[in-house]
Amino acid sequence: MLSEQSAATVRATLPAVGAAIGEITERFSVGTRA
């Protein structure tokens, strides 16, 4: 389980992560091919 502090951080950053999910996924995909 997440601590309350960690859960609050996840909730606060979720919109930014969601907005950039395509770029994040692409970076992970490229990184795993190297």
Protein backbone atom coordinates (compact mmCIF):
# COMPACT_ATOMS: atom_id res chain seq x y z
CA MET A 1 0.00 0.00 0.00
CA LEU A 2 1.04 3.56 -0.59
CA SER A 3 1.52 5.88 2.31
CA GLU A 4 -0.90 8.81 2.43
CA GLN A 5 1.95 11.12 1.35
CA SER A 6 2.79 8.92 -1.65
CA ALA A 7 -0.88 8.62 -2.59
CA ALA A 8 -1.21 12.42 -2.49
CA THR A 9 1.84 12.75 -4.77
CA VAL A 10 0.38 10.27 -7.25
CA ARG A 11 -2.96 12.10 -7.26
CA ALA A 12 -1.22 15.45 -7.76
CA THR A 13 0.95 14.28 -10.65
CA LEU A 14 -1.59 12.05 -12.41
CA PRO A 15 -2.90 14.78 -14.77
CA ALA A 16 0.62 15.55 -16.00
CA VAL A 17 1.47 11.88 -16.42
CA GLY A 18 -1.80 11.27 -18.25
CA ALA A 19 -1.17 14.18 -20.60
CA ALA A 20 2.29 12.86 -21.49
CA ILE A 21 1.58 9.12 -21.49
CA GLY A 22 2.33 8.74 -25.21
CA GLU A 23 5.77 10.33 -24.86
CA ILE A 24 6.50 8.40 -21.67
CA THR A 25 5.58 5.09 -23.35
CA GLU A 26 7.71 5.92 -26.38
CA ARG A 27 10.74 6.69 -24.22
CA PHE A 28 10.39 3.40 -22.34
CA SER A 29 10.01 1.49 -25.62
CA VAL A 30 13.08 3.11 -27.13
CA GLY A 31 15.05 2.53 -23.92
CA THR A 32 14.29 -1.19 -23.86
CA ARG A 33 15.45 -1.70 -27.47
CA ALA A 34 18.95 -0.36 -26.86
